[in-house]
Amino acid sequence: MPAIGITGGVGTGKSSFLHALLRRFPAESFDADRCVHELLDGDPAVQERIKERFGAEVVATDGSLNRQALREIVFHDDRARRTLEEIIHPEVHRRWQPLAEASRGTPSALLYLDIPLLYETGSEAQCDRVVVIACSAETQRNRLSLNRGLAPELIARMIGAQLDLAAKVSRAEHVVWNDGSPSALDEQACLFAAHLRDLYG
């Protein structure tokens, strides 16, 4: 069975789409953002490498990683962002690649891969189909501001750190436009689930 890549831009609604899709057509799934959080919070080797590269500024008083401080650094310094990506991306890839290989080797094992930087890391080649969740730039900025409380400058940097959304749309097999209500997104998840069911049973 195939591995279905789900990607898009920050704030476009990738996770919301995946949750809706899982309700309509359950399958195994992998959430790259959750994996990153787990690495930053619970992987001593990753934490130590980050502390070595970024110094005391990213260490909280209890010795854990100060993720907010780290985020501020990497989204204001492209070199720092690339350094963090060199630490994190291979670790995330090592966790989902075996799942994709196992899915392809098992007739009944469909896999959803929610990977925000799918195209940026060249990982789309390991997906049988890619779905891009997209929305207007205004909606994207508003969600990041209202839902996450981020400042406009940080929002601009976060969006700018990713591949242009239009470029992702042009490369995808499927596009979900998420500018509307949750019910509209759920309807698109229903349609895509029906399409997958037609393809894979």
N, C-alpha and C. Protein backbone atom coordinates (compact mmCIF):
# COMPACT_ATOMS: atom_id res chain seq x y z
N MET A 1 0.84 -1.20 0.00
CA MET A 1 0.00 0.00 0.00
C MET A 1 0.88 1.24 0.00
N PRO A 2 0.33 2.35 -0.42
CA PRO A 2 1.15 3.54 -0.60
C PRO A 2 1.40 4.33 0.67
N ALA A 3 2.41 5.19 0.58
CA ALA A 3 2.65 6.22 1.59
C ALA A 3 2.16 7.53 0.99
N ILE A 4 1.24 8.19 1.68
CA ILE A 4 0.64 9.43 1.20
C ILE A 4 1.27 10.60 1.95
N GLY A 5 1.99 11.46 1.25
CA GLY A 5 2.59 12.63 1.87
C GLY A 5 1.58 13.76 1.98
N ILE A 6 1.49 14.36 3.16
CA ILE A 6 0.61 15.51 3.39
C ILE A 6 1.48 16.68 3.81
N THR A 7 1.44 17.76 3.04
CA THR A 7 2.32 18.89 3.32
C THR A 7 1.61 20.19 2.98
N GLY A 8 2.32 21.29 3.08
CA GLY A 8 1.76 22.60 2.83
C GLY A 8 2.65 23.65 3.47
N GLY A 9 2.06 24.74 3.90
CA GLY A 9 2.82 25.79 4.57
C GLY A 9 2.43 25.87 6.03
N VAL A 10 3.22 26.58 6.80
CA VAL A 10 2.90 26.77 8.21
C VAL A 10 1.56 27.49 8.32
N GLY A 11 0.64 26.94 9.12
CA GLY A 11 -0.65 27.56 9.31
C GLY A 11 -1.69 27.28 8.24
N THR A 12 -1.40 26.40 7.30
CA THR A 12 -2.38 26.14 6.24
C THR A 12 -3.41 25.08 6.63
N GLY A 13 -3.14 24.31 7.69
CA GLY A 13 -4.14 23.34 8.16
C GLY A 13 -3.82 21.89 7.86
N LYS A 14 -2.55 21.55 7.76
CA LYS A 14 -2.16 20.17 7.44
C LYS A 14 -2.66 19.18 8.49
N SER A 15 -2.43 19.50 9.75
CA SER A 15 -2.82 18.58 10.82
C SER A 15 -4.34 18.45 10.90
N SER A 16 -5.05 19.54 10.70
CA SER A 16 -6.51 19.49 10.72
C SER A 16 -7.03 18.59 9.60
N PHE A 17 -6.42 18.70 8.43
CA PHE A 17 -6.83 17.84 7.33
C PHE A 17 -6.54 16.38 7.65
N LEU A 18 -5.37 16.11 8.20
CA LEU A 18 -5.02 14.72 8.53
C LEU A 18 -6.02 14.14 9.53
N HIS A 19 -6.36 14.90 10.56
CA HIS A 19 -7.31 14.40 11.56
C HIS A 19 -8.66 14.11 10.91
N ALA A 20 -9.09 14.97 10.01
CA ALA A 20 -10.36 14.74 9.31
C ALA A 20 -10.26 13.51 8.41
N LEU A 21 -9.14 13.35 7.75
CA LEU A 21 -8.94 12.20 6.86
C LEU A 21 -8.92 10.90 7.65
N LEU A 22 -8.29 10.91 8.82
CA LEU A 22 -8.24 9.71 9.65
C LEU A 22 -9.63 9.27 10.10
N ARG A 23 -10.51 10.23 10.30
CA ARG A 23 -11.89 9.87 10.67
C ARG A 23 -12.60 9.21 9.50
N ARG A 24 -12.28 9.64 8.29
CA ARG A 24 -12.97 9.13 7.10
C ARG A 24 -12.36 7.84 6.55
N PHE A 25 -11.05 7.73 6.65
CA PHE A 25 -10.34 6.57 6.11
C PHE A 25 -9.15 6.27 7.03
N PRO A 26 -9.38 5.56 8.14
CA PRO A 26 -8.32 5.32 9.13
C PRO A 26 -7.12 4.60 8.52
N ALA A 27 -5.93 4.98 8.99
CA ALA A 27 -4.69 4.35 8.56
C ALA A 27 -3.60 4.76 9.56
N GLU A 28 -2.45 4.14 9.43
CA GLU A 28 -1.33 4.55 10.27
C GLU A 28 -0.86 5.93 9.81
N SER A 29 -0.37 6.74 10.75
CA SER A 29 0.08 8.08 10.38
C SER A 29 1.33 8.45 11.15
N PHE A 30 2.06 9.41 10.57
CA PHE A 30 3.27 9.94 11.19
C PHE A 30 3.19 11.45 11.13
N ASP A 31 3.42 12.10 12.27
CA ASP A 31 3.35 13.55 12.38
C ASP A 31 4.76 14.08 12.62
N ALA A 32 5.35 14.71 11.62
CA ALA A 32 6.73 15.18 11.74
C ALA A 32 6.88 16.26 12.80
N ASP A 33 5.90 17.16 12.91
CA ASP A 33 5.98 18.20 13.94
C ASP A 33 6.01 17.59 15.33
N ARG A 34 5.16 16.59 15.56
CA ARG A 34 5.15 15.92 16.87
C ARG A 34 6.48 15.23 17.12
N CYS A 35 7.04 14.63 16.08
CA CYS A 35 8.33 13.97 16.21
C CYS A 35 9.41 14.97 16.61
N VAL A 36 9.40 16.16 16.01
CA VAL A 36 10.36 17.20 16.35
C VAL A 36 10.22 17.59 17.82
N HIS A 37 8.98 17.78 18.28
CA HIS A 37 8.76 18.13 19.68
C HIS A 37 9.30 17.04 20.61
N GLU A 38 9.09 15.78 20.22
CA GLU A 38 9.58 14.67 21.04
C GLU A 38 11.10 14.65 21.08
N LEU A 39 11.72 14.95 19.96
CA LEU A 39 13.18 15.00 19.93
C LEU A 39 13.71 16.14 20.81
N LEU A 40 13.08 17.30 20.72
CA LEU A 40 13.55 18.46 21.48
C LEU A 40 13.30 18.28 22.98
N ASP A 41 12.23 17.57 23.32
CA ASP A 41 11.87 17.42 24.73
C ASP A 41 12.44 16.16 25.38
N GLY A 42 12.67 15.13 24.56
CA GLY A 42 12.98 13.85 25.19
C GLY A 42 14.14 13.05 24.64
N ASP A 43 14.90 13.60 23.71
CA ASP A 43 16.05 12.86 23.17
C ASP A 43 17.33 13.52 23.66
N PRO A 44 17.99 12.92 24.65
CA PRO A 44 19.19 13.54 25.24
C PRO A 44 20.29 13.83 24.22
N ALA A 45 20.47 12.93 23.25
CA ALA A 45 21.54 13.13 22.27
C ALA A 45 21.27 14.35 21.40
N VAL A 46 20.03 14.50 20.96
CA VAL A 46 19.65 15.66 20.16
C VAL A 46 19.76 16.93 20.98
N GLN A 47 19.27 16.89 22.21
CA GLN A 47 19.33 18.05 23.09
C GLN A 47 20.78 18.50 23.30
N GLU A 48 21.65 17.55 23.50
CA GLU A 48 23.05 17.89 23.76
C GLU A 48 23.71 18.51 22.54
N ARG A 49 23.41 17.98 21.37
CA ARG A 49 23.98 18.55 20.15
C ARG A 49 23.51 19.99 19.94
N ILE A 50 22.24 20.25 20.23
CA ILE A 50 21.71 21.60 20.08
C ILE A 50 22.36 22.54 21.09
N LYS A 51 22.50 22.10 22.31
CA LYS A 51 23.13 22.94 23.34
C LYS A 51 24.58 23.24 22.97
N GLU A 52 25.27 22.26 22.42
CA GLU A 52 26.67 22.47 22.01
C GLU A 52 26.77 23.50 20.90
N ARG A 53 25.81 23.47 19.95
CA ARG A 53 25.88 24.36 18.80
C ARG A 53 25.36 25.76 19.10
N PHE A 54 24.37 25.87 20.00
CA PHE A 54 23.72 27.16 20.22
C PHE A 54 24.06 27.80 21.56
N GLY A 55 24.61 27.04 22.48
CA GLY A 55 25.08 27.62 23.72
C GLY A 55 24.01 27.83 24.79
N ALA A 56 24.41 28.55 25.84
CA ALA A 56 23.58 28.72 27.03
C ALA A 56 22.28 29.47 26.75
N GLU A 57 22.23 30.22 25.67
CA GLU A 57 21.04 31.01 25.36
C GLU A 57 19.80 30.15 25.14
N VAL A 58 19.99 28.89 24.75
CA VAL A 58 18.84 28.02 24.48
C VAL A 58 18.60 27.03 25.61
N VAL A 59 19.26 27.21 26.74
CA VAL A 59 19.10 26.30 27.88
C VAL A 59 18.26 26.99 28.95
N ALA A 60 17.17 26.35 29.36
CA ALA A 60 16.30 26.88 30.40
C ALA A 60 16.94 26.68 31.77
N THR A 61 16.36 27.30 32.79
CA THR A 61 16.95 27.21 34.15
C THR A 61 16.95 25.80 34.69
N ASP A 62 16.05 24.94 34.23
CA ASP A 62 16.02 23.55 34.70
C ASP A 62 16.89 22.63 33.86
N GLY A 63 17.62 23.20 32.90
CA GLY A 63 18.52 22.41 32.07
C GLY A 63 17.91 21.91 30.78
N SER A 64 16.61 22.06 30.61
CA SER A 64 15.95 21.63 29.38
C SER A 64 16.18 22.67 28.28
N LEU A 65 15.75 22.32 27.07
CA LEU A 65 15.86 23.26 25.97
C LEU A 65 14.79 24.33 26.09
N ASN A 66 15.18 25.56 25.89
CA ASN A 66 14.23 26.67 25.82
C ASN A 66 13.81 26.79 24.36
N ARG A 67 12.69 26.16 24.01
CA ARG A 67 12.28 26.08 22.62
C ARG A 67 11.90 27.44 22.06
N GLN A 68 11.35 28.31 22.87
CA GLN A 68 10.99 29.64 22.38
C GLN A 68 12.24 30.43 22.01
N ALA A 69 13.27 30.35 22.85
CA ALA A 69 14.53 31.04 22.56
C ALA A 69 15.17 30.47 21.29
N LEU A 70 15.10 29.15 21.15
CA LEU A 70 15.67 28.51 19.97
C LEU A 70 14.92 28.95 18.72
N ARG A 71 13.61 29.03 18.81
CA ARG A 71 12.81 29.47 17.66
C ARG A 71 13.17 30.89 17.26
N GLU A 72 13.32 31.77 18.23
CA GLU A 72 13.66 33.16 17.94
C GLU A 72 15.01 33.25 17.22
N ILE A 73 15.95 32.42 17.63
CA ILE A 73 17.27 32.43 17.02
C ILE A 73 17.21 31.96 15.57
N VAL A 74 16.58 30.80 15.36
CA VAL A 74 16.66 30.19 14.03
C VAL A 74 15.81 30.93 12.99
N PHE A 75 14.78 31.64 13.44
CA PHE A 75 13.99 32.37 12.46
C PHE A 75 14.47 33.80 12.26
N HIS A 76 15.56 34.16 12.91
CA HIS A 76 16.20 35.45 12.64
C HIS A 76 17.60 35.28 12.05
N ASP A 77 18.01 34.04 11.84
CA ASP A 77 19.36 33.78 11.33
C ASP A 77 19.29 32.52 10.46
N ASP A 78 19.40 32.69 9.16
CA ASP A 78 19.28 31.55 8.24
C ASP A 78 20.36 30.50 8.50
N ARG A 79 21.54 30.95 8.86
CA ARG A 79 22.62 29.99 9.12
C ARG A 79 22.28 29.14 10.34
N ALA A 80 21.73 29.78 11.38
CA ALA A 80 21.33 29.04 12.58
C ALA A 80 20.21 28.07 12.27
N ARG A 81 19.27 28.49 11.43
CA ARG A 81 18.17 27.60 11.05
C ARG A 81 18.70 26.37 10.32
N ARG A 82 19.64 26.58 9.41
CA ARG A 82 20.20 25.44 8.69
C ARG A 82 20.96 24.51 9.63
N THR A 83 21.62 25.09 10.62
CA THR A 83 22.33 24.26 11.60
C THR A 83 21.36 23.38 12.36
N LEU A 84 20.25 23.96 12.80
CA LEU A 84 19.25 23.16 13.51
C LEU A 84 18.66 22.08 12.61
N GLU A 85 18.39 22.44 11.36
CA GLU A 85 17.83 21.47 10.43
C GLU A 85 18.79 20.30 10.20
N GLU A 86 20.09 20.58 10.18
CA GLU A 86 21.08 19.51 9.99
C GLU A 86 21.07 18.53 11.15
N ILE A 87 20.65 18.99 12.31
CA ILE A 87 20.55 18.11 13.48
C ILE A 87 19.22 17.36 13.47
N ILE A 88 18.14 18.08 13.20
CA ILE A 88 16.80 17.52 13.36
C ILE A 88 16.34 16.66 12.18
N HIS A 89 16.52 17.16 10.96
CA HIS A 89 15.93 16.49 9.80
C HIS A 89 16.37 15.03 9.64
N PRO A 90 17.65 14.70 9.78
CA PRO A 90 18.02 13.28 9.65
C PRO A 90 17.37 12.40 10.71
N GLU A 91 17.18 12.94 11.92
CA GLU A 91 16.56 12.16 12.98
C GLU A 91 15.09 11.90 12.67
N VAL A 92 14.40 12.91 12.16
CA VAL A 92 12.99 12.73 11.79
C VAL A 92 12.88 11.72 10.65
N HIS A 93 13.74 11.86 9.67
CA HIS A 93 13.72 10.95 8.51
C HIS A 93 13.94 9.51 8.93
N ARG A 94 14.84 9.29 9.87
CA ARG A 94 15.12 7.93 10.33
C ARG A 94 13.91 7.30 11.01
N ARG A 95 13.01 8.11 11.49
CA ARG A 95 11.84 7.58 12.17
C ARG A 95 10.68 7.27 11.23
N TRP A 96 10.55 8.02 10.13
CA TRP A 96 9.42 7.73 9.27
C TRP A 96 9.78 6.85 8.06
N GLN A 97 11.04 6.85 7.64
CA GLN A 97 11.39 6.07 6.45
C GLN A 97 11.07 4.57 6.61
N PRO A 98 11.40 3.94 7.75
CA PRO A 98 11.04 2.52 7.89
C PRO A 98 9.53 2.28 7.83
N LEU A 99 8.75 3.25 8.31
CA LEU A 99 7.29 3.11 8.24
C LEU A 99 6.83 3.11 6.79
N ALA A 100 7.43 3.98 5.97
CA ALA A 100 7.06 4.04 4.56
C ALA A 100 7.45 2.75 3.85
N GLU A 101 8.62 2.23 4.14
CA GLU A 101 9.06 0.98 3.52
C GLU A 101 8.17 -0.17 3.93
N ALA A 102 7.79 -0.22 5.20
CA ALA A 102 6.92 -1.29 5.68
C ALA A 102 5.54 -1.20 5.04
N SER A 103 5.05 0.03 4.86
CA SER A 103 3.74 0.22 4.25
C SER A 103 3.72 -0.33 2.83
N ARG A 104 4.76 -0.03 2.07
CA ARG A 104 4.80 -0.50 0.69
C ARG A 104 4.89 -2.03 0.60
N GLY A 105 5.43 -2.64 1.66
CA GLY A 105 5.58 -4.09 1.65
C GLY A 105 4.41 -4.84 2.24
N THR A 106 3.36 -4.10 2.66
CA THR A 106 2.20 -4.73 3.30
C THR A 106 0.93 -4.32 2.56
N PRO A 107 0.20 -5.27 1.98
CA PRO A 107 -0.96 -4.93 1.15
C PRO A 107 -2.01 -4.06 1.83
N SER A 108 -2.19 -4.19 3.13
CA SER A 108 -3.29 -3.48 3.80
C SER A 108 -2.82 -2.30 4.65
N ALA A 109 -1.57 -1.87 4.48
CA ALA A 109 -1.00 -0.88 5.40
C ALA A 109 -0.81 0.49 4.74
N LEU A 110 -1.88 1.24 4.58
CA LEU A 110 -1.81 2.61 4.09
C LEU A 110 -1.16 3.49 5.16
N LEU A 111 -0.35 4.44 4.73
CA LEU A 111 0.36 5.31 5.66
C LEU A 111 0.21 6.77 5.24
N TYR A 112 -0.15 7.63 6.20
CA TYR A 112 -0.17 9.07 5.97
C TYR A 112 1.05 9.69 6.63
N LEU A 113 1.76 10.51 5.87
CA LEU A 113 2.96 11.18 6.38
C LEU A 113 2.72 12.69 6.39
N ASP A 114 2.51 13.26 7.58
CA ASP A 114 2.30 14.70 7.73
C ASP A 114 3.68 15.34 7.94
N ILE A 115 4.25 15.86 6.84
CA ILE A 115 5.61 16.37 6.87
C ILE A 115 5.63 17.78 6.27
N PRO A 116 5.68 18.82 7.09
CA PRO A 116 5.64 20.20 6.58
C PRO A 116 6.73 20.52 5.56
N LEU A 117 7.93 20.00 5.79
CA LEU A 117 9.05 20.30 4.90
C LEU A 117 9.34 19.14 3.94
N LEU A 118 8.30 18.53 3.45
CA LEU A 118 8.44 17.37 2.57
C LEU A 118 9.25 17.71 1.33
N TYR A 119 8.88 18.79 0.64
CA TYR A 119 9.61 19.17 -0.57
C TYR A 119 10.96 19.77 -0.24
N GLU A 120 11.03 20.53 0.82
CA GLU A 120 12.30 21.17 1.20
C GLU A 120 13.40 20.15 1.48
N THR A 121 13.01 18.98 1.99
CA THR A 121 13.99 17.94 2.32
C THR A 121 14.12 16.88 1.23
N GLY A 122 13.41 17.06 0.11
CA GLY A 122 13.49 16.09 -0.98
C GLY A 122 12.83 14.77 -0.67
N SER A 123 11.94 14.74 0.31
CA SER A 123 11.34 13.48 0.76
C SER A 123 10.13 13.07 -0.06
N GLU A 124 9.67 13.93 -0.96
CA GLU A 124 8.50 13.57 -1.76
C GLU A 124 8.74 12.34 -2.63
N ALA A 125 10.02 12.06 -2.92
CA ALA A 125 10.34 10.90 -3.75
C ALA A 125 9.97 9.59 -3.06
N GLN A 126 9.84 9.62 -1.75
CA GLN A 126 9.51 8.41 -1.00
C GLN A 126 8.01 8.31 -0.71
N CYS A 127 7.24 9.19 -1.34
CA CYS A 127 5.78 9.14 -1.20
C CYS A 127 5.17 8.75 -2.54
N ASP A 128 4.12 7.95 -2.49
CA ASP A 128 3.45 7.54 -3.71
C ASP A 128 2.55 8.64 -4.25
N ARG A 129 1.99 9.43 -3.35
CA ARG A 129 1.17 10.58 -3.71
C ARG A 129 1.42 11.68 -2.70
N VAL A 130 1.30 12.93 -3.14
CA VAL A 130 1.47 14.07 -2.23
C VAL A 130 0.23 14.95 -2.30
N VAL A 131 -0.28 15.29 -1.13
CA VAL A 131 -1.39 16.22 -1.00
C VAL A 131 -0.85 17.51 -0.38
N VAL A 132 -1.08 18.63 -1.02
CA VAL A 132 -0.69 19.93 -0.47
C VAL A 132 -1.93 20.63 0.08
N ILE A 133 -1.87 21.04 1.34
CA ILE A 133 -2.93 21.81 1.96
C ILE A 133 -2.53 23.28 1.83
N ALA A 134 -3.35 24.07 1.16
CA ALA A 134 -2.99 25.45 0.85
C ALA A 134 -4.12 26.40 1.25
N CYS A 135 -3.76 27.66 1.36
CA CYS A 135 -4.74 28.71 1.63
C CYS A 135 -4.15 30.03 1.15
N SER A 136 -4.93 31.08 1.21
CA SER A 136 -4.41 32.39 0.80
C SER A 136 -3.37 32.88 1.79
N ALA A 137 -2.50 33.77 1.34
CA ALA A 137 -1.47 34.34 2.21
C ALA A 137 -2.10 35.08 3.39
N GLU A 138 -3.20 35.76 3.14
CA GLU A 138 -3.87 36.50 4.20
C GLU A 138 -4.40 35.56 5.28
N THR A 139 -5.03 34.48 4.86
CA THR A 139 -5.54 33.50 5.82
C THR A 139 -4.41 32.88 6.61
N GLN A 140 -3.33 32.57 5.93
CA GLN A 140 -2.17 31.97 6.59
C GLN A 140 -1.63 32.89 7.68
N ARG A 141 -1.45 34.17 7.35
CA ARG A 141 -0.93 35.12 8.33
C ARG A 141 -1.90 35.32 9.49
N ASN A 142 -3.19 35.39 9.18
CA ASN A 142 -4.18 35.60 10.22
C ASN A 142 -4.22 34.43 11.20
N ARG A 143 -4.12 33.21 10.69
CA ARG A 143 -4.13 32.04 11.57
C ARG A 143 -2.92 32.05 12.51
N LEU A 144 -1.77 32.37 11.97
CA LEU A 144 -0.56 32.38 12.80
C LEU A 144 -0.62 33.48 13.84
N SER A 145 -1.26 34.58 13.50
CA SER A 145 -1.39 35.68 14.44
C SER A 145 -2.44 35.39 15.51
N LEU A 146 -3.63 34.97 15.09
CA LEU A 146 -4.73 34.78 16.02
C LEU A 146 -4.61 33.48 16.82
N ASN A 147 -4.20 32.39 16.16
CA ASN A 147 -4.17 31.09 16.83
C ASN A 147 -2.90 30.85 17.63
N ARG A 148 -1.80 31.44 17.18
CA ARG A 148 -0.53 31.20 17.86
C ARG A 148 0.04 32.44 18.53
N GLY A 149 -0.57 33.59 18.29
CA GLY A 149 -0.11 34.81 18.93
C GLY A 149 1.26 35.28 18.49
N LEU A 150 1.61 35.01 17.24
CA LEU A 150 2.94 35.36 16.74
C LEU A 150 2.96 36.78 16.18
N ALA A 151 4.12 37.42 16.30
CA ALA A 151 4.29 38.77 15.79
C ALA A 151 4.43 38.74 14.27
N PRO A 152 4.02 39.82 13.58
CA PRO A 152 4.09 39.85 12.11
C PRO A 152 5.48 39.56 11.55
N GLU A 153 6.51 40.09 12.19
CA GLU A 153 7.87 39.86 11.68
C GLU A 153 8.24 38.39 11.74
N LEU A 154 7.90 37.72 12.86
CA LEU A 154 8.21 36.31 12.99
C LEU A 154 7.39 35.49 12.00
N ILE A 155 6.14 35.86 11.80
CA ILE A 155 5.30 35.17 10.83
C ILE A 155 5.92 35.24 9.44
N ALA A 156 6.37 36.42 9.05
CA ALA A 156 6.98 36.60 7.74
C ALA A 156 8.23 35.73 7.60
N ARG A 157 9.01 35.66 8.64
CA ARG A 157 10.24 34.86 8.59
C ARG A 157 9.93 33.36 8.53
N MET A 158 8.92 32.94 9.28
CA MET A 158 8.55 31.52 9.26
C MET A 158 8.04 31.11 7.89
N ILE A 159 7.20 31.94 7.30
CA ILE A 159 6.69 31.63 5.96
C ILE A 159 7.83 31.67 4.94
N GLY A 160 8.71 32.66 5.07
CA GLY A 160 9.83 32.80 4.14
C GLY A 160 10.84 31.68 4.23
N ALA A 161 10.88 30.99 5.37
CA ALA A 161 11.84 29.89 5.53
C ALA A 161 11.41 28.63 4.80
N GLN A 162 10.16 28.59 4.33
CA GLN A 162 9.66 27.43 3.62
C GLN A 162 9.59 27.70 2.12
N LEU A 163 9.56 26.62 1.36
CA LEU A 163 9.37 26.73 -0.08
C LEU A 163 8.05 27.44 -0.35
N ASP A 164 8.04 28.31 -1.37
CA ASP A 164 6.84 29.06 -1.71
C ASP A 164 5.66 28.12 -1.90
N LEU A 165 4.52 28.48 -1.30
CA LEU A 165 3.35 27.61 -1.32
C LEU A 165 2.88 27.32 -2.74
N ALA A 166 2.96 28.31 -3.61
CA ALA A 166 2.55 28.09 -5.01
C ALA A 166 3.41 27.03 -5.68
N ALA A 167 4.69 26.99 -5.32
CA ALA A 167 5.58 25.98 -5.89
C ALA A 167 5.18 24.59 -5.40
N LYS A 168 4.78 24.49 -4.15
CA LYS A 168 4.33 23.19 -3.63
C LYS A 168 3.06 22.75 -4.34
N VAL A 169 2.13 23.68 -4.51
CA VAL A 169 0.88 23.37 -5.20
C VAL A 169 1.15 22.85 -6.61
N SER A 170 2.09 23.46 -7.30
CA SER A 170 2.38 23.08 -8.69
C SER A 170 2.98 21.68 -8.79
N ARG A 171 3.56 21.18 -7.70
CA ARG A 171 4.23 19.88 -7.75
C ARG A 171 3.38 18.75 -7.19
N ALA A 172 2.26 19.07 -6.56
CA ALA A 172 1.46 18.06 -5.87
C ALA A 172 0.54 17.29 -6.81
N GLU A 173 0.24 16.04 -6.44
CA GLU A 173 -0.77 15.27 -7.16
C GLU A 173 -2.18 15.73 -6.77
N HIS A 174 -2.33 16.20 -5.54
CA HIS A 174 -3.63 16.62 -5.04
C HIS A 174 -3.47 17.91 -4.25
N VAL A 175 -4.45 18.81 -4.35
CA VAL A 175 -4.42 20.07 -3.62
C VAL A 175 -5.74 20.24 -2.87
N VAL A 176 -5.63 20.58 -1.59
CA VAL A 176 -6.80 20.89 -0.77
C VAL A 176 -6.72 22.37 -0.43
N TRP A 177 -7.75 23.13 -0.79
CA TRP A 177 -7.75 24.56 -0.52
C TRP A 177 -8.50 24.81 0.78
N ASN A 178 -7.80 25.32 1.77
CA ASN A 178 -8.34 25.44 3.12
C ASN A 178 -8.47 26.90 3.54
N ASP A 179 -9.30 27.63 2.83
CA ASP A 179 -9.57 29.02 3.17
C ASP A 179 -10.91 29.19 3.88
N GLY A 180 -11.66 28.09 3.98
CA GLY A 180 -13.02 28.18 4.50
C GLY A 180 -13.17 27.64 5.91
N SER A 181 -14.33 27.07 6.16
CA SER A 181 -14.70 26.60 7.50
C SER A 181 -14.16 25.20 7.74
N PRO A 182 -14.15 24.76 9.01
CA PRO A 182 -13.78 23.37 9.31
C PRO A 182 -14.66 22.36 8.58
N SER A 183 -15.92 22.67 8.42
CA SER A 183 -16.81 21.74 7.73
C SER A 183 -16.43 21.61 6.25
N ALA A 184 -15.96 22.71 5.65
CA ALA A 184 -15.52 22.66 4.26
C ALA A 184 -14.26 21.80 4.13
N LEU A 185 -13.36 21.91 5.10
CA LEU A 185 -12.16 21.06 5.09
C LEU A 185 -12.54 19.60 5.29
N ASP A 186 -13.50 19.35 6.17
CA ASP A 186 -13.94 17.98 6.41
C ASP A 186 -14.55 17.38 5.15
N GLU A 187 -15.28 18.18 4.40
CA GLU A 187 -15.86 17.70 3.15
C GLU A 187 -14.78 17.31 2.14
N GLN A 188 -13.73 18.10 2.08
CA GLN A 188 -12.63 17.77 1.18
C GLN A 188 -11.91 16.50 1.64
N ALA A 189 -11.79 16.33 2.96
CA ALA A 189 -11.20 15.09 3.48
C ALA A 189 -12.07 13.90 3.11
N CYS A 190 -13.38 14.08 3.16
CA CYS A 190 -14.31 13.01 2.78
C CYS A 190 -14.13 12.64 1.31
N LEU A 191 -14.02 13.64 0.45
CA LEU A 191 -13.83 13.38 -0.97
C LEU A 191 -12.51 12.68 -1.25
N PHE A 192 -11.45 13.12 -0.55
CA PHE A 192 -10.15 12.49 -0.78
C PHE A 192 -10.14 11.06 -0.24
N ALA A 193 -10.80 10.84 0.88
CA ALA A 193 -10.89 9.49 1.42
C ALA A 193 -11.61 8.56 0.44
N ALA A 194 -12.67 9.07 -0.19
CA ALA A 194 -13.39 8.27 -1.18
C ALA A 194 -12.49 7.96 -2.37
N HIS A 195 -11.67 8.93 -2.76
CA HIS A 195 -10.73 8.72 -3.87
C HIS A 195 -9.71 7.64 -3.51
N LEU A 196 -9.18 7.70 -2.30
CA LEU A 196 -8.23 6.67 -1.86
C LEU A 196 -8.89 5.29 -1.80
N ARG A 197 -10.12 5.27 -1.36
CA ARG A 197 -10.84 4.00 -1.28
C ARG A 197 -11.03 3.41 -2.68
N ASP A 198 -11.31 4.27 -3.65
CA ASP A 198 -11.46 3.79 -5.02
C ASP A 198 -10.14 3.24 -5.56
N LEU A 199 -9.04 3.90 -5.17
CA LEU A 199 -7.73 3.48 -5.67
C LEU A 199 -7.21 2.22 -5.00
N TYR A 200 -7.38 2.16 -3.68
CA TYR A 200 -6.69 1.12 -2.91
C TYR A 200 -7.61 0.17 -2.16
N GLY A 201 -8.92 0.41 -2.23
CA GLY A 201 -9.85 -0.51 -1.60
C GLY A 201 -10.02 -0.31 -0.10
